[in-house]
Amino acid sequence: MCKKAKEEYMEECCEEIEELAKKDAQMMNEKVKQATLRKKKNLTGCIKDEDGSILIDEETVKRRWTTYIKGLCSDDGMPR
């Protein structure tokens, strides 16, 4: 699922870059730079939730990590 989501994102970026190539070279270059640079905030990836479903959405992944870390810090030390 992660690979498919990344492919869809890159396809959308490429389509936007192609449109910008016809109109605005500077904006096109910015979009290329944005699409090819890896930023730390984009490295959240995807993880599974408690029931094994794969989470892709950045906010959902952050919430899952928060729950996991809180579980590690709980009295029994077991993630939930």
N, C-alpha and C. Protein backbone atom coordinates (compact mmCIF):
# COMPACT_ATOMS: atom_id res chain seq x y z
N MET A 1 0.83 -1.20 0.00
CA MET A 1 0.00 0.00 0.00
C MET A 1 0.87 1.26 0.00
N CYS A 2 1.97 1.21 0.76
CA CYS A 2 2.85 2.37 0.81
C CYS A 2 3.46 2.65 -0.57
N LYS A 3 3.90 1.57 -1.21
CA LYS A 3 4.51 1.73 -2.53
C LYS A 3 3.51 2.31 -3.53
N LYS A 4 2.27 1.82 -3.47
CA LYS A 4 1.23 2.33 -4.38
C LYS A 4 0.93 3.80 -4.11
N ALA A 5 0.86 4.18 -2.83
CA ALA A 5 0.60 5.58 -2.48
C ALA A 5 1.73 6.47 -2.98
N LYS A 6 2.96 6.00 -2.85
CA LYS A 6 4.11 6.79 -3.33
C LYS A 6 4.07 6.94 -4.85
N GLU A 7 3.74 5.85 -5.54
CA GLU A 7 3.65 5.90 -7.00
C GLU A 7 2.58 6.89 -7.44
N GLU A 8 1.43 6.87 -6.78
CA GLU A 8 0.35 7.80 -7.12
C GLU A 8 0.78 9.24 -6.87
N TYR A 9 1.46 9.48 -5.76
CA TYR A 9 1.95 10.83 -5.45
C TYR A 9 2.93 11.30 -6.53
N MET A 10 3.86 10.42 -6.91
CA MET A 10 4.85 10.81 -7.92
C MET A 10 4.19 11.04 -9.28
N GLU A 11 3.18 10.26 -9.62
CA GLU A 11 2.46 10.48 -10.88
C GLU A 11 1.79 11.85 -10.88
N GLU A 12 1.17 12.20 -9.76
CA GLU A 12 0.54 13.53 -9.65
C GLU A 12 1.57 14.64 -9.78
N CYS A 13 2.72 14.46 -9.14
CA CYS A 13 3.80 15.46 -9.24
C CYS A 13 4.26 15.60 -10.69
N CYS A 14 4.45 14.48 -11.37
CA CYS A 14 4.91 14.53 -12.75
C CYS A 14 3.91 15.23 -13.66
N GLU A 15 2.63 14.96 -13.45
CA GLU A 15 1.61 15.63 -14.25
C GLU A 15 1.65 17.13 -14.01
N GLU A 16 1.80 17.52 -12.75
CA GLU A 16 1.86 18.95 -12.42
C GLU A 16 3.10 19.58 -13.03
N ILE A 17 4.22 18.88 -13.00
CA ILE A 17 5.48 19.39 -13.57
C ILE A 17 5.33 19.57 -15.09
N GLU A 18 4.68 18.61 -15.74
CA GLU A 18 4.46 18.72 -17.18
C GLU A 18 3.62 19.95 -17.53
N GLU A 19 2.59 20.21 -16.73
CA GLU A 19 1.75 21.39 -16.96
C GLU A 19 2.54 22.68 -16.72
N LEU A 20 3.35 22.68 -15.65
CA LEU A 20 4.16 23.86 -15.35
C LEU A 20 5.23 24.11 -16.41
N ALA A 21 5.71 23.06 -17.06
CA ALA A 21 6.73 23.20 -18.10
C ALA A 21 6.21 24.05 -19.26
N LYS A 22 4.92 23.99 -19.49
CA LYS A 22 4.30 24.76 -20.57
C LYS A 22 4.09 26.22 -20.19
N LYS A 23 4.04 26.51 -18.88
CA LYS A 23 3.64 27.83 -18.41
C LYS A 23 4.74 28.61 -17.70
N ASP A 24 5.41 27.94 -16.74
CA ASP A 24 6.29 28.67 -15.84
C ASP A 24 7.50 27.82 -15.47
N ALA A 25 8.65 28.09 -16.12
CA ALA A 25 9.86 27.28 -15.91
C ALA A 25 10.36 27.36 -14.46
N GLN A 26 10.27 28.51 -13.86
CA GLN A 26 10.75 28.67 -12.48
C GLN A 26 9.91 27.82 -11.51
N MET A 27 8.60 27.89 -11.66
CA MET A 27 7.73 27.07 -10.81
C MET A 27 7.94 25.58 -11.07
N MET A 28 8.20 25.24 -12.34
CA MET A 28 8.47 23.85 -12.68
C MET A 28 9.71 23.35 -11.95
N ASN A 29 10.77 24.17 -11.97
CA ASN A 29 12.01 23.79 -11.28
C ASN A 29 11.80 23.64 -9.78
N GLU A 30 10.99 24.51 -9.19
CA GLU A 30 10.68 24.41 -7.76
C GLU A 30 9.94 23.11 -7.45
N LYS A 31 8.99 22.76 -8.32
CA LYS A 31 8.21 21.53 -8.12
C LYS A 31 9.10 20.30 -8.26
N VAL A 32 10.02 20.31 -9.21
CA VAL A 32 10.96 19.20 -9.37
C VAL A 32 11.81 19.06 -8.11
N LYS A 33 12.31 20.18 -7.61
CA LYS A 33 13.12 20.16 -6.40
C LYS A 33 12.30 19.61 -5.23
N GLN A 34 11.07 20.07 -5.10
CA GLN A 34 10.20 19.62 -4.01
C GLN A 34 9.92 18.11 -4.11
N ALA A 35 9.71 17.62 -5.31
CA ALA A 35 9.37 16.21 -5.50
C ALA A 35 10.56 15.28 -5.30
N THR A 36 11.78 15.79 -5.54
CA THR A 36 12.95 14.92 -5.48
C THR A 36 13.73 15.01 -4.17
N LEU A 37 13.53 16.05 -3.41
CA LEU A 37 14.24 16.16 -2.13
C LEU A 37 13.48 15.39 -1.07
N ARG A 38 14.20 14.64 -0.28
CA ARG A 38 13.56 13.90 0.82
C ARG A 38 13.72 14.73 2.07
N LYS A 39 12.60 15.06 2.65
CA LYS A 39 12.60 15.82 3.88
C LYS A 39 12.26 14.89 5.02
N LYS A 40 12.78 15.21 6.19
CA LYS A 40 12.54 14.35 7.34
C LYS A 40 11.06 14.17 7.63
N LYS A 41 10.26 15.21 7.45
CA LYS A 41 8.83 15.11 7.74
C LYS A 41 8.12 14.12 6.82
N ASN A 42 8.70 13.83 5.66
CA ASN A 42 8.08 12.89 4.74
C ASN A 42 8.49 11.45 4.99
N LEU A 43 9.32 11.22 5.98
CA LEU A 43 9.82 9.89 6.24
C LEU A 43 9.02 9.13 7.29
N THR A 44 7.81 9.59 7.59
CA THR A 44 7.01 8.89 8.59
C THR A 44 6.64 7.50 8.11
N GLY A 45 6.54 7.31 6.80
CA GLY A 45 6.25 6.01 6.25
C GLY A 45 4.87 5.52 6.61
N CYS A 46 4.71 4.23 6.58
CA CYS A 46 3.45 3.65 6.99
C CYS A 46 3.72 2.56 8.01
N ILE A 47 2.80 2.40 8.93
CA ILE A 47 2.91 1.40 9.98
C ILE A 47 1.55 0.74 10.15
N LYS A 48 1.51 -0.27 10.99
CA LYS A 48 0.25 -0.95 11.25
C LYS A 48 -0.33 -0.49 12.58
N ASP A 49 -1.67 -0.46 12.65
CA ASP A 49 -2.31 -0.11 13.92
C ASP A 49 -2.52 -1.39 14.73
N GLU A 50 -3.22 -1.26 15.84
CA GLU A 50 -3.40 -2.37 16.77
C GLU A 50 -4.02 -3.60 16.12
N ASP A 51 -4.93 -3.41 15.19
CA ASP A 51 -5.61 -4.56 14.57
C ASP A 51 -4.92 -5.03 13.29
N GLY A 52 -3.76 -4.47 12.97
CA GLY A 52 -2.98 -4.92 11.82
C GLY A 52 -3.24 -4.18 10.53
N SER A 53 -4.12 -3.19 10.55
CA SER A 53 -4.39 -2.39 9.35
C SER A 53 -3.22 -1.46 9.09
N ILE A 54 -2.88 -1.27 7.83
CA ILE A 54 -1.77 -0.40 7.46
C ILE A 54 -2.24 1.05 7.47
N LEU A 55 -1.47 1.90 8.13
CA LEU A 55 -1.77 3.33 8.22
C LEU A 55 -0.81 4.08 7.30
N ILE A 56 -1.34 4.96 6.47
CA ILE A 56 -0.52 5.72 5.53
C ILE A 56 -0.57 7.21 5.83
N ASP A 57 -1.75 7.71 6.16
CA ASP A 57 -1.94 9.13 6.42
C ASP A 57 -0.99 9.61 7.51
N GLU A 58 -0.31 10.71 7.26
CA GLU A 58 0.72 11.21 8.18
C GLU A 58 0.18 11.45 9.59
N GLU A 59 -0.99 12.05 9.70
CA GLU A 59 -1.56 12.33 11.02
C GLU A 59 -1.93 11.04 11.76
N THR A 60 -2.48 10.08 11.04
CA THR A 60 -2.84 8.80 11.65
C THR A 60 -1.59 8.07 12.12
N VAL A 61 -0.53 8.11 11.32
CA VAL A 61 0.73 7.46 11.70
C VAL A 61 1.29 8.12 12.96
N LYS A 62 1.24 9.45 13.02
CA LYS A 62 1.73 10.16 14.22
C LYS A 62 0.95 9.76 15.45
N ARG A 63 -0.38 9.67 15.32
CA ARG A 63 -1.21 9.26 16.47
C ARG A 63 -0.86 7.86 16.92
N ARG A 64 -0.61 6.95 15.96
CA ARG A 64 -0.26 5.57 16.31
C ARG A 64 1.07 5.54 17.04
N TRP A 65 2.06 6.30 16.57
CA TRP A 65 3.35 6.35 17.26
C TRP A 65 3.19 6.89 18.68
N THR A 66 2.34 7.90 18.83
CA THR A 66 2.10 8.47 20.16
C THR A 66 1.51 7.41 21.08
N THR A 67 0.53 6.68 20.59
CA THR A 67 -0.08 5.61 21.39
C THR A 67 0.94 4.54 21.74
N TYR A 68 1.76 4.17 20.80
CA TYR A 68 2.78 3.14 21.01
C TYR A 68 3.79 3.58 22.08
N ILE A 69 4.28 4.81 21.96
CA ILE A 69 5.28 5.31 22.92
C ILE A 69 4.66 5.43 24.30
N LYS A 70 3.43 5.92 24.39
CA LYS A 70 2.76 6.00 25.70
C LYS A 70 2.63 4.62 26.32
N GLY A 71 2.34 3.62 25.49
CA GLY A 71 2.24 2.25 25.98
C GLY A 71 3.57 1.75 26.52
N LEU A 72 4.66 2.13 25.88
CA LEU A 72 5.98 1.74 26.37
C LEU A 72 6.29 2.37 27.72
N CYS A 73 5.74 3.54 27.94
CA CYS A 73 6.00 4.28 29.17
C CYS A 73 4.99 3.96 30.28
N SER A 74 4.02 3.10 29.98
CA SER A 74 3.00 2.78 30.99
C SER A 74 3.59 1.87 32.06
N ASP A 75 2.83 1.62 33.09
CA ASP A 75 3.29 0.83 34.22
C ASP A 75 3.74 -0.58 33.82
N ASP A 76 3.00 -1.22 32.93
CA ASP A 76 3.36 -2.60 32.56
C ASP A 76 4.39 -2.66 31.45
N GLY A 77 4.69 -1.53 30.82
CA GLY A 77 5.72 -1.47 29.79
C GLY A 77 5.36 -2.16 28.50
N MET A 78 4.11 -2.49 28.31
CA MET A 78 3.66 -3.16 27.10
C MET A 78 2.92 -2.18 26.20
N PRO A 79 3.29 -2.12 24.90
CA PRO A 79 2.57 -1.24 23.98
C PRO A 79 1.13 -1.70 23.81
N ARG A 80 0.26 -0.75 23.57
CA ARG A 80 -1.15 -1.07 23.31
C ARG A 80 -1.52 -0.67 21.92
